[in-house]
Amino acid sequence: MRTLSGVIFLVAALFCCGQAESRDWVNLISDNDYQYAYEKDSIVRPSKDIVNVWVRRECKDEAARQRVIVNRKEDAVLYKDYQGSKQLIEINCIKGTMDILSSTDYKINGDTLWSMTFSIRDPDPIPPGSRIDSVAKIVCKKD
């Protein structure tokens, strides 16, 4: 079982490392600090009602980066080159829920700062009008 867990983690880590470099990100919305996007070519449908998709939040400027660094007090030195975060989200289109499967913070050059794959599943309702709601409306459309 440990070997299987190690293999799954290694595959997830390798998959995560290439995600920051993807060029197929579709911008969703922007606020004062961040640009939010989803990766169109990463969409996977493990079942009829379930969609997995990478979403990204990138700092728009140095001031936004500095706010993230200040909030990461314990990792301020590690996070000095922070650029953004991405998460693999599972959306249940019928139940209107979402779950984070994997999360990664990455540097300006695309290298991974921190990454985690979540094994405990705890779906949350998608808040109406949220960024994830915007993603769900796009990826849950019937083709």
Protein backbone atom coordinates (compact mmCIF):
# COMPACT_ATOMS: atom_id res chain seq x y z
CA MET A 1 0.00 0.00 0.00
CA ARG A 2 2.89 2.37 0.82
CA THR A 3 4.45 1.73 -2.58
CA LEU A 4 1.17 2.52 -4.34
CA SER A 5 0.82 5.74 -2.32
CA GLY A 6 4.38 6.70 -3.24
CA VAL A 7 3.75 6.05 -6.94
CA ILE A 8 0.51 8.07 -6.86
CA PHE A 9 2.28 10.97 -5.11
CA LEU A 10 5.17 10.89 -7.61
CA VAL A 11 2.82 10.91 -10.60
CA ALA A 12 0.80 13.77 -9.07
CA ALA A 13 3.98 15.75 -8.33
CA LEU A 14 5.26 15.30 -11.88
CA PHE A 15 1.87 16.32 -13.26
CA CYS A 16 1.82 19.41 -11.02
CA CYS A 17 5.25 20.62 -12.07
CA GLY A 18 4.20 21.03 -15.68
CA GLN A 19 0.95 22.82 -14.90
CA ALA A 20 2.46 26.25 -14.19
CA GLU A 21 3.96 26.27 -17.69
CA SER A 22 0.73 25.50 -19.52
CA ARG A 23 -0.33 27.97 -22.19
CA ASP A 24 -3.97 26.90 -22.34
CA TRP A 25 -5.23 28.97 -19.40
CA VAL A 26 -8.52 30.81 -19.97
CA ASN A 27 -8.90 33.99 -17.90
CA LEU A 28 -12.02 34.11 -15.76
CA ILE A 29 -11.93 37.26 -13.69
CA SER A 30 -9.48 39.67 -12.18
CA ASP A 31 -9.45 41.69 -8.98
CA ASN A 32 -7.00 44.26 -7.59
CA ASP A 33 -4.42 41.62 -6.69
CA TYR A 34 -4.99 38.49 -8.75
CA GLN A 35 -5.87 37.09 -12.15
CA TYR A 36 -7.98 33.90 -11.99
CA ALA A 37 -8.05 31.33 -14.78
CA TYR A 38 -8.85 27.70 -15.55
CA GLU A 39 -6.92 25.33 -17.77
CA LYS A 40 -9.22 24.39 -20.64
CA ASP A 41 -7.15 21.44 -21.86
CA SER A 42 -6.92 19.89 -18.37
CA ILE A 43 -10.65 19.19 -18.07
CA VAL A 44 -11.31 15.52 -17.29
CA ARG A 45 -14.72 13.91 -16.82
CA PRO A 46 -14.25 10.80 -14.65
CA SER A 47 -18.01 10.26 -14.77
CA LYS A 48 -21.07 11.84 -16.36
CA ASP A 49 -21.68 14.34 -13.54
CA ILE A 50 -18.11 14.90 -12.28
CA VAL A 51 -15.56 17.30 -13.80
CA ASN A 52 -11.93 17.76 -12.73
CA VAL A 53 -10.23 21.00 -13.77
CA TRP A 54 -7.13 23.00 -12.82
CA VAL A 55 -7.77 26.55 -11.61
CA ARG A 56 -5.09 29.18 -11.08
CA ARG A 57 -4.59 32.39 -9.12
CA GLU A 58 -1.63 34.56 -10.15
CA CYS A 59 -0.36 37.77 -8.58
CA LYS A 60 -0.91 40.75 -10.87
CA ASP A 61 1.92 42.86 -9.47
CA GLU A 62 4.72 43.08 -6.93
CA ALA A 63 2.45 44.55 -4.23
CA ALA A 64 0.18 41.48 -4.43
CA ARG A 65 3.23 39.17 -4.26
CA GLN A 66 4.51 40.99 -1.18
CA ARG A 67 1.15 40.59 0.59
CA VAL A 68 1.31 36.82 0.03
CA ILE A 69 4.89 36.70 1.31
CA VAL A 70 4.00 38.67 4.46
CA ASN A 71 1.09 36.29 5.15
CA ARG A 72 3.48 33.31 4.86
CA LYS A 73 5.53 34.40 7.92
CA GLU A 74 6.92 30.94 8.59
CA ASP A 75 7.94 30.53 4.93
CA ALA A 76 8.79 34.14 3.99
CA VAL A 77 12.26 33.27 2.64
CA LEU A 78 10.96 30.25 0.74
CA TYR A 79 8.10 32.32 -0.70
CA LYS A 80 10.20 35.30 -1.86
CA ASP A 81 9.78 34.18 -5.51
CA TYR A 82 6.09 33.24 -5.21
CA GLN A 83 4.01 33.86 -8.34
CA GLY A 84 0.76 31.97 -7.90
CA SER A 85 -1.24 28.96 -6.83
CA LYS A 86 -3.13 26.30 -8.71
CA GLN A 87 -5.57 23.68 -7.58
CA LEU A 88 -7.06 20.60 -9.14
CA ILE A 89 -10.76 20.93 -8.36
CA GLU A 90 -13.41 18.23 -8.64
CA ILE A 91 -16.85 19.65 -9.39
CA ASN A 92 -20.01 17.61 -8.99
CA CYS A 93 -22.27 19.27 -11.57
CA ILE A 94 -25.48 17.67 -10.23
CA LYS A 95 -24.92 18.22 -6.49
CA GLY A 96 -23.30 21.65 -6.96
CA THR A 97 -20.29 20.74 -4.81
CA MET A 98 -16.54 21.07 -5.18
CA ASP A 99 -13.54 19.37 -3.65
CA ILE A 100 -9.84 20.22 -3.82
CA LEU A 101 -7.86 17.19 -5.04
CA SER A 102 -4.44 18.85 -5.27
CA SER A 103 -2.94 22.25 -4.53
CA THR A 104 0.38 23.76 -5.64
CA ASP A 105 2.15 27.07 -5.02
CA TYR A 106 4.77 27.98 -7.60
CA LYS A 107 7.59 30.43 -8.23
CA ILE A 108 7.97 33.11 -10.89
CA ASN A 109 10.06 30.64 -12.96
CA GLY A 110 7.35 27.94 -12.69
CA ASP A 111 9.16 25.72 -10.17
CA THR A 112 7.04 24.23 -7.40
CA LEU A 113 7.30 25.80 -3.93
CA TRP A 114 4.79 23.56 -2.19
CA SER A 115 2.42 20.87 -3.35
CA MET A 116 -0.09 18.59 -1.67
CA THR A 117 -2.49 15.92 -2.87
CA PHE A 118 -5.49 15.52 -0.59
CA SER A 119 -6.61 11.99 0.21
CA ILE A 120 -9.46 12.90 2.57
CA ARG A 121 -12.49 13.90 0.55
CA ASP A 122 -14.79 16.56 1.95
CA PRO A 123 -16.84 18.27 -0.80
CA ASP A 124 -18.22 21.74 -0.08
CA PRO A 125 -21.24 23.45 -1.64
CA ILE A 126 -20.21 25.85 -4.40
CA PRO A 127 -21.08 29.39 -3.24
CA PRO A 128 -23.29 31.18 -5.80
CA GLY A 129 -21.41 33.94 -7.61
CA SER A 130 -17.97 32.66 -6.53
CA ARG A 131 -15.00 32.08 -8.83
CA ILE A 132 -15.59 28.32 -8.59
CA ASP A 133 -19.24 28.91 -9.52
CA SER A 134 -17.99 30.68 -12.67
CA VAL A 135 -15.79 27.69 -13.49
CA ALA A 136 -18.62 25.22 -12.78
CA LYS A 137 -20.98 27.06 -15.14
CA ILE A 138 -18.41 26.70 -17.91
CA VAL A 139 -17.23 23.11 -17.37
CA CYS A 140 -20.63 21.63 -16.47
CA LYS A 141 -22.28 22.72 -19.72
CA LYS A 142 -23.57 19.81 -21.74
CA ASP A 143 -21.78 19.55 -25.08
